[in-house]
């Protein structure tokens, strides 16, 4: 492979530095806004350091970020919805993905392309049928209803992702377990699932992020403040709340996602090849 000349190296490093600035500067802008007590509405200028440094904004967001609801209540709703969507997406998606990967049955190809079409559809296109369905089931204004909605949004991606992982696992490993007397169910639990764990972790994380960050569809199904999530609270504050309060709440909201990423980094980073078999 030919080495880059000093001019090419300089251009490449300058391009990478420019890309880095587009990533770092907005993040720093969010941080300095959250600690600047001088902002009463929208910031007029970008500053390197807050003009009036304070941590009182975080205390205010902790106590009552949205109407009469505390941050803990909003966080609890968000975690219930997002973890519920992640668990259901992985649990039901893994069984369906395994069926698509290992078995042949009528309508298999149509079903796969149907799932792909569902993954490509914008979430807004599913609003009306989901609204009618949840209204019929009397689940529209509930956290369980939101879990069903976000599971439906995440399932197509989870199935396609985990199907590729199951296909990458050699069939001979499962056949060896069958010869040793293992049933198909226990072979799936003890042999197939551990080998596909990286893809399961990625699918679960994506489903978690769908439920944790989505707010447009949430407002269609939730009508009481008791079931509002953090993402929905931030979207409701966009109308008139000072931007430093929005920035503080956004930083507080991102903390659980960072913790979850640290817990799953073994699967997300060490095993970058999804579905790889050791």
Protein backbone atom coordinates (compact mmCIF):
# COMPACT_ATOMS: atom_id res chain seq x y z
CA UNK A 1 0.00 0.00 0.00
CA UNK A 2 1.33 3.41 -0.98
CA UNK A 3 2.03 5.85 1.83
CA UNK A 4 0.33 9.23 1.86
CA UNK A 5 2.44 12.26 1.05
CA UNK A 6 2.81 15.03 3.62
CA UNK A 7 0.32 17.14 1.67
CA UNK A 8 -2.26 14.35 1.64
CA UNK A 9 -1.65 13.75 5.35
CA UNK A 10 -2.16 17.44 6.06
CA UNK A 11 -5.42 17.55 4.12
CA UNK A 12 -6.70 14.40 5.78
CA UNK A 13 -5.86 15.67 9.27
CA UNK A 14 -7.49 19.02 8.52
CA UNK A 15 -10.64 17.27 7.31
CA UNK A 16 -10.75 15.08 10.42
CA UNK A 17 -10.24 18.12 12.64
CA UNK A 18 -13.11 19.90 10.89
CA UNK A 19 -15.38 16.90 11.41
CA UNK A 20 -14.31 16.75 15.04
CA UNK A 21 -15.25 20.39 15.52
CA UNK A 22 -18.75 19.73 14.19
CA UNK A 23 -19.06 17.03 16.87
CA UNK A 24 -17.36 18.71 19.83
CA UNK A 25 -18.62 22.30 19.48
CA UNK A 26 -22.37 21.46 19.72
CA UNK A 27 -21.67 19.20 22.69
CA UNK A 28 -19.72 21.92 24.46
CA UNK A 29 -22.48 24.39 23.61
CA UNK A 30 -24.95 22.13 25.38
CA UNK A 31 -22.69 21.90 28.44
CA UNK A 32 -22.03 25.61 28.78
CA UNK A 33 -25.73 26.43 28.34
CA UNK A 34 -26.63 24.08 31.19
CA UNK A 35 -24.32 25.98 33.58
CA UNK A 36 -25.06 29.54 32.43
CA UNK A 37 -27.53 31.24 34.75
CA UNK A 38 -27.53 34.50 32.79
CA UNK A 39 -29.65 33.08 29.96
CA UNK A 40 -33.32 33.93 30.40
CA UNK A 41 -34.55 32.81 26.99
CA UNK A 42 -32.51 31.93 23.89
CA UNK A 43 -28.72 32.49 23.81
CA UNK A 44 -27.69 35.38 21.59
CA UNK A 45 -23.97 34.53 21.36
CA UNK A 46 -21.79 31.44 21.59
CA UNK A 47 -19.41 31.56 24.53
CA UNK A 48 -16.48 29.41 25.50
CA UNK A 49 -17.37 29.67 29.19
CA UNK A 50 -20.66 30.45 30.98
CA UNK A 51 -21.11 34.13 31.79
CA UNK A 52 -22.78 33.35 35.13
CA UNK A 53 -21.72 29.90 36.29
CA UNK A 54 -24.32 28.07 38.39
CA UNK A 55 -25.50 24.57 39.19
CA UNK A 56 -28.93 25.70 40.37
CA UNK A 57 -30.44 24.87 36.97
CA UNK A 58 -29.81 21.16 37.53
CA UNK A 59 -31.44 21.40 40.94
CA UNK A 60 -34.51 23.04 39.39
CA UNK A 61 -34.71 20.34 36.71
CA UNK A 62 -34.37 17.65 39.37
CA UNK A 63 -37.23 19.06 41.41
CA UNK A 64 -39.81 19.93 38.76
CA UNK A 65 -38.82 19.88 35.09
CA UNK A 66 -42.35 19.48 33.66
CA UNK A 67 -45.53 20.84 35.26
CA UNK A 68 -45.87 19.10 38.65
CA UNK A 69 -43.89 15.99 37.66
CA UNK A 70 -40.42 15.42 39.13
CA UNK A 71 -37.38 14.28 37.19
CA UNK A 72 -37.42 10.90 38.96
CA UNK A 73 -41.02 10.28 37.83
CA UNK A 74 -40.16 11.21 34.22
CA UNK A 75 -37.03 9.04 34.31
CA UNK A 76 -39.00 6.14 35.74
CA UNK A 77 -41.56 6.38 32.93
CA UNK A 78 -38.80 6.55 30.31
CA UNK A 79 -36.94 3.56 31.73
CA UNK A 80 -40.11 1.47 32.03
CA UNK A 81 -41.06 2.20 28.43
CA UNK A 82 -37.58 1.81 26.93
CA UNK A 83 -36.55 -1.31 28.86
CA UNK A 84 -39.97 -2.84 28.21
CA UNK A 85 -39.60 -2.22 24.47
CA UNK A 86 -36.04 -3.60 24.52
CA UNK A 87 -37.01 -6.79 26.39
CA UNK A 88 -40.03 -7.52 24.21
CA UNK A 89 -38.15 -6.72 20.99
CA UNK A 90 -35.27 -9.04 21.84
CA UNK A 91 -37.46 -11.80 23.32
CA UNK A 92 -39.98 -12.02 20.48
CA UNK A 93 -37.55 -10.86 17.81
CA UNK A 94 -35.00 -13.58 18.65
CA UNK A 95 -37.50 -16.40 18.28
CA UNK A 96 -38.82 -14.99 15.01
CA UNK A 97 -35.33 -14.27 13.68
CA UNK A 98 -34.24 -17.84 14.49
CA UNK A 99 -37.24 -19.23 12.61
CA UNK A 100 -36.40 -17.12 9.55
CA UNK A 101 -32.72 -18.15 9.77
CA UNK A 102 -33.07 -21.92 10.31
CA UNK A 103 -36.42 -23.06 8.90
CA UNK A 104 -38.08 -22.97 5.51
CA UNK A 105 -41.83 -22.36 5.38
CA UNK A 106 -44.40 -20.90 2.97
CA UNK A 107 -44.37 -17.11 2.86
CA UNK A 108 -40.90 -16.81 4.34
CA UNK A 109 -39.56 -14.45 1.69
CA UNK A 110 -42.75 -12.37 1.72
CA UNK A 111 -42.53 -12.12 5.50
CA UNK A 112 -38.92 -10.97 5.40
CA UNK A 113 -39.63 -8.27 2.84
CA UNK A 114 -42.70 -7.28 4.81
CA UNK A 115 -40.50 -6.74 7.87
CA UNK A 116 -38.04 -4.78 5.75
CA UNK A 117 -40.88 -2.59 4.50
CA UNK A 118 -41.95 -2.02 8.09
CA UNK A 119 -38.42 -0.94 9.01
CA UNK A 120 -38.33 1.55 6.11
CA UNK A 121 -41.73 3.08 6.86
CA UNK A 122 -41.68 6.40 8.74
CA UNK A 123 -43.16 6.05 12.24
CA UNK A 124 -45.84 8.63 11.37
CA UNK A 125 -47.35 6.16 8.88
CA UNK A 126 -48.16 3.79 11.76
CA UNK A 127 -49.89 6.39 13.93
CA UNK A 128 -53.45 5.82 12.77
CA UNK A 129 -53.57 1.99 12.94
CA UNK A 130 -51.76 1.95 16.29
CA UNK A 131 -54.09 4.61 17.67
CA UNK A 132 -57.15 2.58 16.65
CA UNK A 133 -55.65 -0.66 17.98
CA UNK A 134 -54.70 0.74 21.38
CA UNK A 135 -58.03 2.51 21.71
CA UNK A 136 -59.84 -0.79 21.10
CA UNK A 137 -57.66 -2.49 23.73
CA UNK A 138 -58.15 0.36 26.24
CA UNK A 139 -54.37 0.83 26.44
CA UNK A 140 -53.95 4.17 24.71
CA UNK A 141 -53.18 6.33 27.76
CA UNK A 142 -50.81 3.93 29.50
CA UNK A 143 -47.13 3.10 29.67
CA UNK A 144 -47.86 -0.45 28.49
CA UNK A 145 -49.45 1.04 25.37
CA UNK A 146 -46.24 3.02 24.71
CA UNK A 147 -44.21 -0.17 25.18
CA UNK A 148 -46.30 -1.89 22.51
CA UNK A 149 -45.86 1.07 20.13
CA UNK A 150 -42.08 1.27 20.52
CA UNK A 151 -41.73 -2.51 20.31
CA UNK A 152 -43.58 -2.40 16.99
CA UNK A 153 -41.15 0.27 15.75
CA UNK A 154 -38.01 -1.61 16.83
CA UNK A 155 -38.99 -5.19 15.96
CA UNK A 156 -38.21 -5.15 12.20
CA UNK A 157 -34.64 -3.97 12.75
CA UNK A 158 -34.13 -6.40 15.63
CA UNK A 159 -35.35 -9.36 13.56
CA UNK A 160 -33.15 -8.59 10.56
CA UNK A 161 -30.13 -7.94 12.78
CA UNK A 162 -30.51 -11.14 14.81
CA UNK A 163 -31.39 -13.25 11.75
CA UNK A 164 -27.98 -12.41 10.27
CA UNK A 165 -26.32 -13.43 13.54
CA UNK A 166 -28.13 -16.77 13.68
CA UNK A 167 -27.23 -17.51 10.06
CA UNK A 168 -23.55 -16.91 10.86
CA UNK A 169 -23.57 -19.60 13.56
CA UNK A 170 -22.52 -22.98 12.09
CA UNK A 171 -25.39 -25.42 12.01
CA UNK A 172 -22.98 -28.19 13.02
CA UNK A 173 -22.82 -26.79 16.57
CA UNK A 174 -26.55 -27.25 17.01
CA UNK A 175 -26.47 -30.69 15.40
CA UNK A 176 -23.77 -31.75 17.87
CA UNK A 177 -26.01 -30.69 20.73
CA UNK A 178 -28.88 -32.70 19.23
CA UNK A 179 -26.66 -35.79 19.09
CA UNK A 180 -25.86 -35.33 22.78
CA UNK A 181 -29.57 -35.43 23.58
CA UNK A 182 -30.38 -31.73 23.83
CA UNK A 183 -33.83 -30.61 22.73
CA UNK A 184 -34.21 -27.80 20.16
CA UNK A 185 -35.36 -25.40 22.88
CA UNK A 186 -32.37 -25.94 25.18
CA UNK A 187 -30.01 -25.93 22.23
CA UNK A 188 -31.36 -22.52 21.30
CA UNK A 189 -30.99 -21.27 24.89
CA UNK A 190 -27.54 -22.65 25.73
CA UNK A 191 -25.80 -22.81 22.34
CA UNK A 192 -27.31 -20.37 19.86
CA UNK A 193 -28.21 -17.41 22.05
CA UNK A 194 -24.79 -17.06 23.77
CA UNK A 195 -23.04 -17.08 20.39
CA UNK A 196 -25.44 -14.43 19.06
CA UNK A 197 -25.13 -12.24 22.18
CA UNK A 198 -23.40 -9.31 20.40
CA UNK A 199 -26.31 -8.94 18.00
CA UNK A 200 -28.82 -9.31 20.82
CA UNK A 201 -27.05 -6.53 22.71
CA UNK A 202 -27.10 -4.25 19.67
CA UNK A 203 -30.76 -4.99 18.98
CA UNK A 204 -31.67 -4.38 22.61
CA UNK A 205 -29.75 -1.09 22.67
CA UNK A 206 -31.46 0.14 19.50
CA UNK A 207 -34.89 -0.79 20.88
CA UNK A 208 -34.01 0.95 24.14
CA UNK A 209 -33.00 4.14 22.30
CA UNK A 210 -36.21 4.08 20.26
CA UNK A 211 -38.33 4.02 23.39
CA UNK A 212 -36.09 6.43 25.30
CA UNK A 213 -35.78 9.19 22.71
CA UNK A 214 -39.06 9.08 20.72
CA UNK A 215 -41.65 11.75 21.59
CA UNK A 216 -43.72 12.55 18.50
CA UNK A 217 -45.85 9.42 18.64
CA UNK A 218 -45.86 9.48 22.42
CA UNK A 219 -47.93 12.65 22.54
CA UNK A 220 -50.57 10.97 20.38
CA UNK A 221 -51.13 8.17 22.88
CA UNK A 222 -50.49 9.90 26.23
CA UNK A 223 -52.90 12.52 27.57
CA UNK A 224 -52.01 12.72 31.28
CA UNK A 225 -48.82 14.09 32.84
CA UNK A 226 -48.34 10.96 34.96
CA UNK A 227 -47.33 8.95 31.86
CA UNK A 228 -45.09 11.56 30.22
CA UNK A 229 -41.50 10.51 29.45
CA UNK A 230 -38.33 12.62 29.51
CA UNK A 231 -38.23 13.03 25.73
CA UNK A 232 -41.85 14.17 25.70
CA UNK A 233 -41.15 16.64 28.53
CA UNK A 234 -38.25 18.21 26.61
CA UNK A 235 -40.39 18.58 23.49
CA UNK A 236 -43.13 20.24 25.57
CA UNK A 237 -40.61 22.72 27.00
CA UNK A 238 -39.37 23.82 23.58
CA UNK A 239 -42.10 26.45 23.32
CA UNK A 240 -41.14 28.85 26.08
CA UNK A 241 -38.62 27.43 28.54
CA UNK A 242 -35.14 28.99 28.73
CA UNK A 243 -32.59 27.07 26.75
CA UNK A 244 -30.32 26.53 29.74
CA UNK A 245 -33.09 24.50 31.38
CA UNK A 246 -33.47 22.44 28.21
CA UNK A 247 -29.71 21.84 28.09
CA UNK A 248 -29.58 20.77 31.74
CA UNK A 249 -32.47 18.35 31.29
CA UNK A 250 -30.91 16.94 28.11
CA UNK A 251 -27.64 16.24 29.96
CA UNK A 252 -29.51 14.58 32.82
CA UNK A 253 -31.49 12.53 30.33
CA UNK A 254 -28.35 11.30 28.56
CA UNK A 255 -26.78 9.88 31.74
CA UNK A 256 -28.70 6.53 31.70
CA UNK A 257 -27.79 5.99 28.05
CA UNK A 258 -24.09 6.49 28.84
CA UNK A 259 -24.34 4.02 31.72
CA UNK A 260 -26.08 1.46 29.48
CA UNK A 261 -23.41 1.88 26.81
CA UNK A 262 -20.67 1.29 29.38
CA UNK A 263 -22.42 -1.88 30.53
CA UNK A 264 -22.74 -3.18 26.96
CA UNK A 265 -19.39 -1.98 25.62
CA UNK A 266 -18.00 -5.52 25.87
CA UNK A 267 -20.42 -6.55 23.13
CA UNK A 268 -20.55 -3.27 21.22
CA UNK A 269 -16.81 -2.68 20.94
CA UNK A 270 -14.86 -5.87 21.64
CA UNK A 271 -17.05 -7.87 19.24
CA UNK A 272 -17.54 -5.40 16.44
CA UNK A 273 -18.35 -8.10 13.90
CA UNK A 274 -22.03 -8.72 14.69
CA UNK A 275 -22.88 -12.37 14.65
CA UNK A 276 -19.26 -13.50 14.68
CA UNK A 277 -18.50 -16.85 16.28
CA UNK A 278 -15.48 -17.32 18.46
